Amino acid sequence: MNSARNLLPVAALIASILSLTLGTSFAKHLFPLIGAQGTTSFRVTFAAVILLAIWRPWRLPLSAREARTIALYGAALGLMNLTFYMALRTIPLGIAIAIEITGPLCVAMAASRRPRDFVWIGLAVLGLLLLLPLHQSANRLDPLGVGYALASAVCWALYIVFGQRAGKAHGGQATSLGLTVAALVVLPFGLAHAGAALFNPSLMLAGLGVGIMSSALPYSLEMIALRRLPKKTFGVLLSLEPAVGAVIGFIVLGETLTPRQWLAIGSVIVASIGSTLGARKAEGARVESRP
């Protein structure tokens, strides 16, 4: 009975990662129709509507200071999603995730001065150097796509910083209002690019599916896992997301990676796991997941 209870949160987190990567893979099929901007608008807007209906944040008090913090948190979240999808136009899913995850990795290690943490920093830097388009190769990644992925990493780091401050408010209120702000930030880009196509019923239905699979469902499953898993275990499992993304990208999108790119992804994953396991007990292994 205990083993079954222990397996449930692990299964929930794995299902969350699979749902997120599958939803993102399917989202790429919408790019030729409404662009990355329109697809991001669907994802964030539908997720916001779902969470607003669930949490009904207007029922809870909110100070002006909390509102400003949530607005910054939501803006970082919206730009993180937008830049990540813009990166996916030209670089594989697994690589985009590996580059993006360096954002929270940098936040986790920023305050550390222990010698062993420099090993993880070195591995993360090695992974990025292997992925950055600095070398001449037929398989060299698109510089613009890499740039968008790096911008998404920065936004994820800011999302964590502002999210920690926004966490002083009710969790459901902060997340639902944050996603609403994210939708308001992203929607102008989607409308400017896709125009009336965003109101096509069949595309809206597909966008609803992307919003559920990429945001609403993973977020709900992660909440189950976070309540029952030690944060270090959660962090280690979440660190595997780039590898899962690479496999899903190959199965769903036919994206193949070179040995060099797999080595880069592995370096980032090991750095992330090492940072998580090496976190001080006093501080805890704080994990900030992507909604």
C-alpha atoms as a PDB file:
ATOM      1  CA  MET A   1       0.000   0.000   0.000  1.00  0.00           C
ATOM      2  CA  ASN A   2       2.822   2.410   0.895  1.00  0.00           C
ATOM      3  CA  SER A   3       4.685   1.596  -2.322  1.00  0.00           C
ATOM      4  CA  ALA A   4       1.554   2.428  -4.315  1.00  0.00           C
ATOM      5  CA  ARG A   5       1.267   5.775  -2.523  1.00  0.00           C
ATOM      6  CA  ASN A   6       4.914   6.504  -3.273  1.00  0.00           C
ATOM      7  CA  LEU A   7       4.526   5.603  -6.933  1.00  0.00           C
ATOM      8  CA  LEU A   8       1.515   7.885  -7.455  1.00  0.00           C
ATOM      9  CA  PRO A   9       3.366  11.235  -7.246  1.00  0.00           C
ATOM     10  CA  VAL A  10       6.245   9.888  -9.370  1.00  0.00           C
ATOM     11  CA  ALA A  11       3.752   8.724 -11.991  1.00  0.00           C
ATOM     12  CA  ALA A  12       2.001  12.114 -11.809  1.00  0.00           C
ATOM     13  CA  LEU A  13       5.239  13.997 -12.467  1.00  0.00           C
ATOM     14  CA  ILE A  14       6.257  11.702 -15.334  1.00  0.00           C
ATOM     15  CA  ALA A  15       2.774  12.117 -16.822  1.00  0.00           C
ATOM     16  CA  SER A  16       3.168  15.886 -16.442  1.00  0.00           C
ATOM     17  CA  ILE A  17       6.462  15.887 -18.380  1.00  0.00           C
ATOM     18  CA  LEU A  18       4.986  13.652 -21.078  1.00  0.00           C
ATOM     19  CA  SER A  19       1.871  15.833 -21.374  1.00  0.00           C
ATOM     20  CA  LEU A  20       3.961  19.010 -21.631  1.00  0.00           C
ATOM     21  CA  THR A  21       6.332  17.645 -24.279  1.00  0.00           C
ATOM     22  CA  LEU A  22       3.563  15.951 -26.275  1.00  0.00           C
ATOM     23  CA  GLY A  23       1.435  19.093 -26.155  1.00  0.00           C
ATOM     24  CA  THR A  24       4.372  21.185 -27.321  1.00  0.00           C
ATOM     25  CA  SER A  25       5.130  18.734 -30.135  1.00  0.00           C
ATOM     26  CA  PHE A  26       1.545  18.886 -31.359  1.00  0.00           C
ATOM     27  CA  ALA A  27       1.614  22.669 -31.016  1.00  0.00           C
ATOM     28  CA  LYS A  28       4.350  22.834 -33.655  1.00  0.00           C
ATOM     29  CA  HIS A  29       1.831  21.511 -36.190  1.00  0.00           C
ATOM     30  CA  LEU A  30      -0.098  24.777 -35.747  1.00  0.00           C
ATOM     31  CA  PHE A  31       2.919  26.929 -36.614  1.00  0.00           C
ATOM     32  CA  PRO A  32       2.303  26.868 -40.409  1.00  0.00           C
ATOM     33  CA  LEU A  33      -1.302  27.996 -39.828  1.00  0.00           C
ATOM     34  CA  ILE A  34      -1.060  30.676 -37.125  1.00  0.00           C
ATOM     35  CA  GLY A  35       2.658  30.912 -36.382  1.00  0.00           C
ATOM     36  CA  ALA A  36       4.445  30.442 -33.094  1.00  0.00           C
ATOM     37  CA  GLN A  37       2.871  33.702 -31.892  1.00  0.00           C
ATOM     38  CA  GLY A  38      -0.697  32.540 -32.493  1.00  0.00           C
ATOM     39  CA  THR A  39       0.002  29.112 -31.011  1.00  0.00           C
ATOM     40  CA  THR A  40       1.453  30.687 -27.863  1.00  0.00           C
ATOM     41  CA  SER A  41      -1.643  32.878 -27.614  1.00  0.00           C
ATOM     42  CA  PHE A  42      -3.857  29.801 -27.703  1.00  0.00           C
ATOM     43  CA  ARG A  43      -1.778  27.965 -25.116  1.00  0.00           C
ATOM     44  CA  VAL A  44      -1.588  30.776 -22.576  1.00  0.00           C
ATOM     45  CA  THR A  45      -5.097  32.166 -23.075  1.00  0.00           C
ATOM     46  CA  PHE A  46      -6.933  28.847 -22.809  1.00  0.00           C
ATOM     47  CA  ALA A  47      -4.823  27.836 -19.797  1.00  0.00           C
ATOM     48  CA  ALA A  48      -5.676  31.177 -18.159  1.00  0.00           C
ATOM     49  CA  VAL A  49      -9.402  30.731 -18.787  1.00  0.00           C
ATOM     50  CA  ILE A  50      -9.328  27.215 -17.324  1.00  0.00           C
ATOM     51  CA  LEU A  51      -7.456  28.275 -14.185  1.00  0.00           C
ATOM     52  CA  LEU A  52      -9.620  31.387 -13.721  1.00  0.00           C
ATOM     53  CA  ALA A  53     -12.680  29.120 -13.760  1.00  0.00           C
ATOM     54  CA  ILE A  54     -11.077  26.766 -11.236  1.00  0.00           C
ATOM     55  CA  TRP A  55      -9.612  29.272  -8.762  1.00  0.00           C
ATOM     56  CA  ARG A  56     -11.912  32.310  -9.216  1.00  0.00           C
ATOM     57  CA  PRO A  57      -9.198  34.637  -7.878  1.00  0.00           C
ATOM     58  CA  TRP A  58     -11.499  37.648  -7.590  1.00  0.00           C
ATOM     59  CA  ARG A  59     -12.964  36.123  -4.428  1.00  0.00           C
ATOM     60  CA  LEU A  60      -9.707  36.685  -2.520  1.00  0.00           C
ATOM     61  CA  PRO A  61      -8.249  40.016  -1.339  1.00  0.00           C
ATOM     62  CA  LEU A  62      -5.237  41.348  -3.240  1.00  0.00           C
ATOM     63  CA  SER A  63      -3.044  44.279  -2.214  1.00  0.00           C
ATOM     64  CA  ALA A  64      -1.601  46.732  -4.739  1.00  0.00           C
ATOM     65  CA  ARG A  65       1.898  45.429  -3.997  1.00  0.00           C
ATOM     66  CA  GLU A  66       0.860  41.828  -4.619  1.00  0.00           C
ATOM     67  CA  ALA A  67      -0.877  42.883  -7.835  1.00  0.00           C
ATOM     68  CA  ARG A  68       2.317  44.540  -9.127  1.00  0.00           C
ATOM     69  CA  THR A  69       4.383  41.464  -8.297  1.00  0.00           C
ATOM     70  CA  ILE A  70       1.881  39.148  -9.990  1.00  0.00           C
ATOM     71  CA  ALA A  71       1.906  41.435 -13.041  1.00  0.00           C
ATOM     72  CA  LEU A  72       5.713  41.084 -13.317  1.00  0.00           C
ATOM     73  CA  TYR A  73       5.438  37.347 -12.746  1.00  0.00           C
ATOM     74  CA  GLY A  74       2.788  37.049 -15.467  1.00  0.00           C
ATOM     75  CA  ALA A  75       4.752  39.182 -17.934  1.00  0.00           C
ATOM     76  CA  ALA A  76       7.834  36.979 -17.448  1.00  0.00           C
ATOM     77  CA  LEU A  77       5.656  33.886 -17.895  1.00  0.00           C
ATOM     78  CA  GLY A  78       4.109  35.189 -21.113  1.00  0.00           C
ATOM     79  CA  LEU A  79       7.442  36.187 -22.650  1.00  0.00           C
ATOM     80  CA  MET A  80       8.963  32.865 -21.571  1.00  0.00           C
ATOM     81  CA  ASN A  81       6.285  30.941 -23.457  1.00  0.00           C
ATOM     82  CA  LEU A  82       6.469  33.219 -26.492  1.00  0.00           C
ATOM     83  CA  THR A  83      10.250  33.103 -26.872  1.00  0.00           C
ATOM     84  CA  PHE A  84      10.276  29.330 -26.293  1.00  0.00           C
ATOM     85  CA  TYR A  85       7.755  28.738 -29.087  1.00  0.00           C
ATOM     86  CA  MET A  86       9.644  31.147 -31.344  1.00  0.00           C
ATOM     87  CA  ALA A  87      12.758  29.030 -30.736  1.00  0.00           C
ATOM     88  CA  LEU A  88      10.861  25.864 -31.670  1.00  0.00           C
ATOM     89  CA  ARG A  89      10.336  27.158 -35.198  1.00  0.00           C
ATOM     90  CA  THR A  90      13.948  26.357 -36.092  1.00  0.00           C
ATOM     91  CA  ILE A  91      15.556  24.166 -33.406  1.00  0.00           C
ATOM     92  CA  PRO A  92      14.527  20.740 -32.020  1.00  0.00           C
ATOM     93  CA  LEU A  93      12.340  20.463 -28.931  1.00  0.00           C
ATOM     94  CA  GLY A  94      14.877  18.640 -26.746  1.00  0.00           C
ATOM     95  CA  ILE A  95      17.590  21.182 -27.483  1.00  0.00           C
ATOM     96  CA  ALA A  96      15.270  24.134 -26.838  1.00  0.00           C
ATOM     97  CA  ILE A  97      14.341  22.675 -23.432  1.00  0.00           C
ATOM     98  CA  ALA A  98      18.005  22.008 -22.591  1.00  0.00           C
ATOM     99  CA  ILE A  99      18.924  25.627 -23.326  1.00  0.00           C
ATOM    100  CA  GLU A 100      15.875  27.013 -21.549  1.00  0.00           C
ATOM    101  CA  ILE A 101      16.418  24.966 -18.380  1.00  0.00           C
ATOM    102  CA  THR A 102      19.752  26.730 -17.812  1.00  0.00           C
ATOM    103  CA  GLY A 103      17.701  29.720 -16.609  1.00  0.00           C
ATOM    104  CA  PRO A 104      16.406  28.091 -13.404  1.00  0.00           C
ATOM    105  CA  LEU A 105      19.734  26.268 -13.071  1.00  0.00           C
ATOM    106  CA  CYS A 106      21.550  29.619 -12.916  1.00  0.00           C
ATOM    107  CA  VAL A 107      19.082  30.913 -10.321  1.00  0.00           C
ATOM    108  CA  ALA A 108      19.610  27.807  -8.186  1.00  0.00           C
ATOM    109  CA  MET A 109      23.402  28.184  -8.249  1.00  0.00           C
ATOM    110  CA  ALA A 110      23.660  31.980  -8.173  1.00  0.00           C
ATOM    111  CA  ALA A 111      24.022  32.273  -4.408  1.00  0.00           C
ATOM    112  CA  SER A 112      26.302  29.258  -3.983  1.00  0.00           C
ATOM    113  CA  ARG A 113      30.019  29.559  -3.258  1.00  0.00           C
ATOM    114  CA  ARG A 114      30.829  25.869  -2.683  1.00  0.00           C
ATOM    115  CA  PRO A 115      33.587  24.427  -4.899  1.00  0.00           C
ATOM    116  CA  ARG A 116      31.537  21.440  -6.046  1.00  0.00           C
ATOM    117  CA  ASP A 117      28.851  23.699  -7.448  1.00  0.00           C
ATOM    118  CA  PHE A 118      31.357  25.050  -9.934  1.00  0.00           C
ATOM    119  CA  VAL A 119      31.432  21.533 -11.406  1.00  0.00           C
ATOM    120  CA  TRP A 120      27.725  21.823 -12.213  1.00  0.00           C
ATOM    121  CA  ILE A 121      28.241  25.328 -13.573  1.00  0.00           C
ATOM    122  CA  GLY A 122      31.045  23.980 -15.764  1.00  0.00           C
ATOM    123  CA  LEU A 123      28.855  21.165 -17.080  1.00  0.00           C
ATOM    124  CA  ALA A 124      26.021  23.587 -17.864  1.00  0.00           C
ATOM    125  CA  VAL A 125      28.439  25.904 -19.691  1.00  0.00           C
ATOM    126  CA  LEU A 126      29.869  22.922 -21.580  1.00  0.00           C
ATOM    127  CA  GLY A 127      26.387  21.919 -22.668  1.00  0.00           C
ATOM    128  CA  LEU A 128      25.642  25.426 -23.909  1.00  0.00           C
ATOM    129  CA  LEU A 129      28.963  25.699 -25.747  1.00  0.00           C
ATOM    130  CA  LEU A 130      28.231  22.423 -27.524  1.00  0.00           C
ATOM    131  CA  LEU A 131      24.812  23.739 -28.569  1.00  0.00           C
ATOM    132  CA  LEU A 132      25.643  27.313 -29.490  1.00  0.00           C
ATOM    133  CA  PRO A 133      26.248  27.850 -33.223  1.00  0.00           C
ATOM    134  CA  LEU A 134      29.928  28.682 -32.735  1.00  0.00           C
ATOM    135  CA  HIS A 135      31.361  25.948 -34.947  1.00  0.00           C
ATOM    136  CA  GLN A 136      31.078  25.317 -38.679  1.00  0.00           C
ATOM    137  CA  SER A 137      28.964  22.226 -39.240  1.00  0.00           C
ATOM    138  CA  ALA A 138      26.179  20.996 -41.469  1.00  0.00           C
ATOM    139  CA  ASN A 139      24.204  20.355 -38.269  1.00  0.00           C
ATOM    140  CA  ARG A 140      24.839  23.792 -36.785  1.00  0.00           C
ATOM    141  CA  LEU A 141      21.783  25.147 -35.011  1.00  0.00           C
ATOM    142  CA  ASP A 142      19.950  28.209 -36.274  1.00  0.00           C
ATOM    143  CA  PRO A 143      21.426  31.239 -34.400  1.00  0.00           C
ATOM    144  CA  LEU A 144      18.066  33.004 -34.168  1.00  0.00           C
ATOM    145  CA  GLY A 145      16.395  29.921 -32.707  1.00  0.00           C
ATOM    146  CA  VAL A 146      19.179  29.559 -30.145  1.00  0.00           C
ATOM    147  CA  GLY A 147      18.831  33.249 -29.317  1.00  0.00           C
ATOM    148  CA  TYR A 148      15.114  32.843 -28.633  1.00  0.00           C
ATOM    149  CA  ALA A 149      15.835  29.798 -26.434  1.00  0.00           C
ATOM    150  CA  LEU A 150      18.395  31.805 -24.443  1.00  0.00           C
ATOM    151  CA  ALA A 151      15.860  34.630 -24.083  1.00  0.00           C
ATOM    152  CA  SER A 152      13.373  32.065 -22.789  1.00  0.00           C
ATOM    153  CA  ALA A 153      15.977  30.894 -20.247  1.00  0.00           C
ATOM    154  CA  VAL A 154      16.344  34.469 -18.994  1.00  0.00           C
ATOM    155  CA  CYS A 155      12.549  34.818 -18.774  1.00  0.00           C
ATOM    156  CA  TRP A 156      12.304  31.537 -16.855  1.00  0.00           C
ATOM    157  CA  ALA A 157      14.875  32.855 -14.365  1.00  0.00           C
ATOM    158  CA  LEU A 158      12.853  36.077 -13.958  1.00  0.00           C
ATOM    159  CA  TYR A 159       9.675  34.003 -13.660  1.00  0.00           C
ATOM    160  CA  ILE A 160      11.240  32.186 -10.691  1.00  0.00           C
ATOM    161  CA  VAL A 161      12.392  35.403  -9.014  1.00  0.00           C
ATOM    162  CA  PHE A 162       9.017  37.114  -9.387  1.00  0.00           C
ATOM    163  CA  GLY A 163       7.163  33.850  -8.731  1.00  0.00           C
ATOM    164  CA  GLN A 164       8.825  33.522  -5.320  1.00  0.00           C
ATOM    165  CA  ARG A 165       7.599  37.000  -4.440  1.00  0.00           C
ATOM    166  CA  ALA A 166       4.144  36.361  -5.885  1.00  0.00           C
ATOM    167  CA  GLY A 167       3.977  33.181  -3.804  1.00  0.00           C
ATOM    168  CA  LYS A 168       3.118  35.320  -0.779  1.00  0.00           C
ATOM    169  CA  ALA A 169      -0.366  35.567  -2.258  1.00  0.00           C
ATOM    170  CA  HIS A 170      -2.661  32.543  -2.538  1.00  0.00           C
ATOM    171  CA  GLY A 171      -1.054  30.035  -4.924  1.00  0.00           C
ATOM    172  CA  GLY A 172      -4.106  29.503  -7.119  1.00  0.00           C
ATOM    173  CA  GLN A 173      -4.814  33.234  -7.202  1.00  0.00           C
ATOM    174  CA  ALA A 174      -1.244  34.114  -8.167  1.00  0.00           C
ATOM    175  CA  THR A 175      -1.057  31.465 -10.895  1.00  0.00           C
ATOM    176  CA  SER A 176      -4.439  32.187 -12.481  1.00  0.00           C
ATOM    177  CA  LEU A 177      -3.916  35.963 -12.438  1.00  0.00           C
ATOM    178  CA  GLY A 178      -0.330  35.524 -13.625  1.00  0.00           C
ATOM    179  CA  LEU A 179      -1.491  33.479 -16.604  1.00  0.00           C
ATOM    180  CA  THR A 180      -4.113  36.133 -17.329  1.00  0.00           C
ATOM    181  CA  VAL A 181      -1.380  38.786 -17.469  1.00  0.00           C
ATOM    182  CA  ALA A 182       0.680  36.415 -19.639  1.00  0.00           C
ATOM    183  CA  ALA A 183      -2.236  36.109 -22.054  1.00  0.00           C
ATOM    184  CA  LEU A 184      -2.585  39.894 -22.245  1.00  0.00           C
ATOM    185  CA  VAL A 185       1.141  40.177 -23.019  1.00  0.00           C
ATOM    186  CA  VAL A 186       1.154  37.478 -25.706  1.00  0.00           C
ATOM    187  CA  LEU A 187      -2.200  38.075 -27.419  1.00  0.00           C
ATOM    188  CA  PRO A 188      -1.132  41.239 -29.302  1.00  0.00           C
ATOM    189  CA  PHE A 189       1.706  39.267 -30.923  1.00  0.00           C
ATOM    190  CA  GLY A 190      -0.682  36.481 -31.887  1.00  0.00           C
ATOM    191  CA  LEU A 191      -3.279  38.850 -33.311  1.00  0.00           C
ATOM    192  CA  ALA A 192      -0.674  40.829 -35.226  1.00  0.00           C
ATOM    193  CA  HIS A 193       0.692  37.660 -36.828  1.00  0.00           C
ATOM    194  CA  ALA A 194      -2.370  35.435 -37.290  1.00  0.00           C
ATOM    195  CA  GLY A 195      -5.218  37.952 -37.325  1.00  0.00           C
ATOM    196  CA  ALA A 196      -8.690  36.497 -37.862  1.00  0.00           C
ATOM    197  CA  ALA A 197      -7.292  32.942 -38.065  1.00  0.00           C
ATOM    198  CA  LEU A 198      -7.193  32.934 -34.258  1.00  0.00           C
ATOM    199  CA  PHE A 199     -10.987  32.898 -34.287  1.00  0.00           C
ATOM    200  CA  ASN A 200     -11.286  29.884 -36.583  1.00  0.00           C
ATOM    201  CA  PRO A 201     -13.368  27.334 -34.576  1.00  0.00           C
ATOM    202  CA  SER A 202     -11.346  24.291 -35.624  1.00  0.00           C
ATOM    203  CA  LEU A 203      -8.065  26.014 -34.834  1.00  0.00           C
ATOM    204  CA  MET A 204      -9.462  27.229 -31.509  1.00  0.00           C
ATOM    205  CA  LEU A 205     -10.370  23.644 -30.650  1.00  0.00           C
ATOM    206  CA  ALA A 206      -6.825  22.541 -31.471  1.00  0.00           C
ATOM    207  CA  GLY A 207      -5.515  25.448 -29.403  1.00  0.00           C
ATOM    208  CA  LEU A 208      -7.676  24.364 -26.476  1.00  0.00           C
ATOM    209  CA  GLY A 209      -6.073  20.929 -26.672  1.00  0.00           C
ATOM    210  CA  VAL A 210      -2.615  22.523 -26.674  1.00  0.00           C
ATOM    211  CA  GLY A 211      -3.535  24.683 -23.672  1.00  0.00           C
ATOM    212  CA  ILE A 212      -4.782  21.667 -21.718  1.00  0.00           C
ATOM    213  CA  MET A 213      -1.876  19.366 -22.597  1.00  0.00           C
ATOM    214  CA  SER A 214       0.894  21.977 -22.341  1.00  0.00           C
ATOM    215  CA  SER A 215      -0.259  23.997 -19.335  1.00  0.00           C
ATOM    216  CA  ALA A 216      -3.443  23.111 -17.452  1.00  0.00           C
ATOM    217  CA  LEU A 217      -2.890  19.329 -17.156  1.00  0.00           C
ATOM    218  CA  PRO A 218       0.880  19.438 -16.423  1.00  0.00           C
ATOM    219  CA  TYR A 219       0.332  22.145 -13.804  1.00  0.00           C
ATOM    220  CA  SER A 220      -2.336  20.061 -12.038  1.00  0.00           C
ATOM    221  CA  LEU A 221      -0.202  16.915 -12.117  1.00  0.00           C
ATOM    222  CA  GLU A 222       2.832  18.800 -10.814  1.00  0.00           C
ATOM    223  CA  MET A 223       0.788  20.055  -7.879  1.00  0.00           C
ATOM    224  CA  ILE A 224       0.012  16.422  -6.969  1.00  0.00           C
ATOM    225  CA  ALA A 225       3.698  15.517  -7.218  1.00  0.00           C
ATOM    226  CA  LEU A 226       4.938  18.570  -5.274  1.00  0.00           C
ATOM    227  CA  ARG A 227       2.663  17.808  -2.318  1.00  0.00           C
ATOM    228  CA  ARG A 228       3.911  14.241  -1.933  1.00  0.00           C
ATOM    229  CA  LEU A 229       7.467  14.110  -3.288  1.00  0.00           C
ATOM    230  CA  PRO A 230      10.602  15.441  -1.576  1.00  0.00           C
ATOM    231  CA  LYS A 231      11.697  18.527  -3.495  1.00  0.00           C
ATOM    232  CA  LYS A 232      15.025  16.932  -4.383  1.00  0.00           C
ATOM    233  CA  THR A 233      13.274  13.944  -5.954  1.00  0.00           C
ATOM    234  CA  PHE A 234      10.967  16.311  -7.805  1.00  0.00           C
ATOM    235  CA  GLY A 235      13.937  18.327  -9.071  1.00  0.00           C
ATOM    236  CA  VAL A 236      15.867  15.273 -10.256  1.00  0.00           C
ATOM    237  CA  LEU A 237      12.898  13.925 -12.195  1.00  0.00           C
ATOM    238  CA  LEU A 238      12.137  17.343 -13.676  1.00  0.00           C
ATOM    239  CA  SER A 239      15.763  17.583 -14.827  1.00  0.00           C
ATOM    240  CA  LEU A 240      15.088  14.727 -17.245  1.00  0.00           C
ATOM    241  CA  GLU A 241      12.677  16.879 -19.270  1.00  0.00           C
ATOM    242  CA  PRO A 242      15.197  17.775 -22.034  1.00  0.00           C
ATOM    243  CA  ALA A 243      15.837  14.079 -22.714  1.00  0.00           C
ATOM    244  CA  VAL A 244      12.111  13.318 -22.744  1.00  0.00           C
ATOM    245  CA  GLY A 245      11.592  16.274 -25.072  1.00  0.00           C
ATOM    246  CA  ALA A 246      14.274  14.976 -27.425  1.00  0.00           C
ATOM    247  CA  VAL A 247      12.675  11.511 -27.557  1.00  0.00           C
ATOM    248  CA  ILE A 248       9.149  12.915 -28.041  1.00  0.00           C
ATOM    249  CA  GLY A 249      10.473  15.294 -30.698  1.00  0.00           C
ATOM    250  CA  PHE A 250      11.942  12.337 -32.559  1.00  0.00           C
ATOM    251  CA  ILE A 251       8.770  10.217 -32.310  1.00  0.00           C
ATOM    252  CA  VAL A 252       6.209  12.937 -33.075  1.00  0.00           C
ATOM    253  CA  LEU A 253       8.180  15.393 -35.206  1.00  0.00           C
ATOM    254  CA  GLY A 254      10.984  13.268 -36.648  1.00  0.00           C
ATOM    255  CA  GLU A 255      13.637  15.529 -35.081  1.00  0.00           C
ATOM    256  CA  THR A 256      17.002  13.771 -34.986  1.00  0.00           C
ATOM    257  CA  LEU A 257      19.967  14.892 -32.920  1.00  0.00           C
ATOM    258  CA  THR A 258      23.686  14.421 -33.448  1.00  0.00           C
ATOM    259  CA  PRO A 259      25.914  12.702 -30.845  1.00  0.00           C
ATOM    260  CA  ARG A 260      27.339  16.153 -30.027  1.00  0.00           C
ATOM    261  CA  GLN A 261      23.845  17.479 -29.296  1.00  0.00           C
ATOM    262  CA  TRP A 262      22.992  14.453 -27.127  1.00  0.00           C
ATOM    263  CA  LEU A 263      26.227  15.047 -25.201  1.00  0.00           C
ATOM    264  CA  ALA A 264      25.214  18.678 -24.694  1.00  0.00           C
ATOM    265  CA  ILE A 265      21.771  17.685 -23.408  1.00  0.00           C
ATOM    266  CA  GLY A 266      23.364  15.123 -21.100  1.00  0.00           C
ATOM    267  CA  SER A 267      25.736  17.744 -19.687  1.00  0.00           C
ATOM    268  CA  VAL A 268      22.857  20.081 -18.870  1.00  0.00           C
ATOM    269  CA  ILE A 269      20.836  17.253 -17.300  1.00  0.00           C
ATOM    270  CA  VAL A 270      23.751  16.132 -15.100  1.00  0.00           C
ATOM    271  CA  ALA A 271      24.352  19.762 -14.059  1.00  0.00           C
ATOM    272  CA  SER A 272      20.702  20.157 -13.136  1.00  0.00           C
ATOM    273  CA  ILE A 273      20.594  16.890 -11.178  1.00  0.00           C
ATOM    274  CA  GLY A 274      23.863  17.698  -9.413  1.00  0.00           C
ATOM    275  CA  SER A 275      22.635  21.146  -8.437  1.00  0.00           C
ATOM    276  CA  THR A 276      19.380  19.680  -7.110  1.00  0.00           C
ATOM    277  CA  LEU A 277      21.026  16.936  -5.072  1.00  0.00           C
ATOM    278  CA  GLY A 278      23.697  19.317  -3.778  1.00  0.00           C
ATOM    279  CA  ALA A 279      21.261  21.931  -2.506  1.00  0.00           C
ATOM    280  CA  ARG A 280      21.754  22.751   1.162  1.00  0.00           C
ATOM    281  CA  LYS A 281      19.268  21.144   3.479  1.00  0.00           C
ATOM    282  CA  ALA A 282      18.733  24.430   5.255  1.00  0.00           C
ATOM    283  CA  GLU A 283      17.700  26.079   2.037  1.00  0.00           C
ATOM    284  CA  GLY A 284      15.909  23.084   0.586  1.00  0.00           C
ATOM    285  CA  ALA A 285      15.918  22.114  -3.052  1.00  0.00           C
ATOM    286  CA  ARG A 286      13.458  24.709  -4.195  1.00  0.00           C
ATOM    287  CA  VAL A 287      11.985  23.738  -7.522  1.00  0.00           C
ATOM    288  CA  GLU A 288      10.138  26.115  -9.775  1.00  0.00           C
ATOM    289  CA  SER A 289       8.332  24.316 -12.565  1.00  0.00           C
ATOM    290  CA  ARG A 290       6.991  25.793 -15.739  1.00  0.00           C
ATOM    291  CA  PRO A 291       3.180  26.043 -15.901  1.00  0.00           C
END
